[in-house]
């Protein structure tokens, strides 16, 4: 486990890329959720797992907001 001395904050460019990547993942997950609902029905295990994944992604986004990651690069 890294110590606080070993940790390095994200650069501004990395933070921006992370936000873009997470947005893309969220959009793809929404598309997958629609497909799973159409193919397997609302009560299927596939839909339940998609919903769980979406909830986990939301919790990750909230945690990143709490750590105050920049949402856009200043001067980039």
Protein backbone atom coordinates (compact mmCIF):
# COMPACT_ATOMS: atom_id res chain seq x y z
CA UNK A 1 0.00 0.00 0.00
CA UNK A 2 1.53 3.34 -0.97
CA UNK A 3 2.10 5.86 1.77
CA UNK A 4 1.05 9.48 1.48
CA UNK A 5 4.67 10.27 0.64
CA UNK A 6 4.47 7.97 -2.40
CA UNK A 7 1.24 9.48 -3.77
CA UNK A 8 1.27 12.09 -6.48
CA UNK A 9 -1.72 14.23 -7.42
CA UNK A 10 -3.06 14.10 -10.95
CA UNK A 11 -1.79 16.72 -13.30
CA UNK A 12 -4.35 19.08 -14.75
CA UNK A 13 -4.13 17.25 -18.08
CA UNK A 14 -4.66 13.88 -16.37
CA UNK A 15 -7.66 15.20 -14.43
CA UNK A 16 -9.26 16.50 -17.62
CA UNK A 17 -8.63 13.20 -19.39
CA UNK A 18 -10.08 11.29 -16.44
CA UNK A 19 -13.28 13.36 -16.57
CA UNK A 20 -13.58 12.78 -20.32
CA UNK A 21 -13.00 9.05 -19.91
CA UNK A 22 -15.56 8.77 -17.12
CA UNK A 23 -18.12 10.67 -19.19
CA UNK A 24 -17.53 8.26 -22.08
CA UNK A 25 -17.91 5.26 -19.77
CA UNK A 26 -21.16 6.70 -18.41
CA UNK A 27 -22.56 7.26 -21.90
CA UNK A 28 -21.62 3.72 -23.01
CA UNK A 29 -23.10 2.27 -19.84
CA UNK A 30 -26.39 4.04 -20.54
CA UNK A 31 -26.42 2.52 -24.03
CA UNK A 32 -25.70 -0.92 -22.57
CA UNK A 33 -28.48 -0.48 -20.02
CA UNK A 34 -31.00 0.26 -22.76
CA UNK A 35 -29.88 -2.79 -24.73
CA UNK A 36 -30.05 -5.07 -21.68
CA UNK A 37 -33.55 -3.86 -20.81
CA UNK A 38 -34.79 -4.42 -24.35
CA UNK A 39 -33.16 -7.84 -24.70
CA UNK A 40 -33.60 -9.32 -21.23
CA UNK A 41 -36.35 -7.39 -19.48
CA UNK A 42 -36.38 -5.05 -16.53
CA UNK A 43 -35.97 -7.75 -13.86
CA UNK A 44 -33.05 -9.62 -15.43
CA UNK A 45 -29.71 -10.15 -13.71
CA UNK A 46 -28.03 -8.32 -16.61
CA UNK A 47 -30.08 -5.18 -15.94
CA UNK A 48 -29.47 -5.46 -12.21
CA UNK A 49 -25.70 -5.61 -12.84
CA UNK A 50 -25.84 -2.63 -15.20
CA UNK A 51 -27.68 -0.65 -12.54
CA UNK A 52 -25.12 -1.68 -9.91
CA UNK A 53 -22.30 -0.61 -12.23
CA UNK A 54 -23.97 2.75 -12.85
CA UNK A 55 -24.32 3.24 -9.08
CA UNK A 56 -20.64 2.42 -8.55
CA UNK A 57 -19.67 4.88 -11.28
CA UNK A 58 -21.80 7.54 -9.61
CA UNK A 59 -20.11 6.91 -6.26
CA UNK A 60 -16.71 7.23 -7.97
CA UNK A 61 -17.75 10.56 -9.49
CA UNK A 62 -18.93 11.82 -6.10
CA UNK A 63 -15.64 10.80 -4.50
CA UNK A 64 -13.67 12.58 -7.20
CA UNK A 65 -15.79 15.70 -6.68
CA UNK A 66 -15.00 15.56 -2.96
CA UNK A 67 -11.30 15.49 -3.78
CA UNK A 68 -11.90 18.58 -5.90
CA UNK A 69 -10.54 17.31 -9.21
CA UNK A 70 -10.69 20.09 -11.79
CA UNK A 71 -13.39 19.59 -14.40
CA UNK A 72 -11.54 21.50 -17.08
CA UNK A 73 -7.97 22.51 -17.72
CA UNK A 74 -7.04 26.11 -17.04
CA UNK A 75 -4.95 27.41 -19.89
CA UNK A 76 -4.81 24.07 -21.73
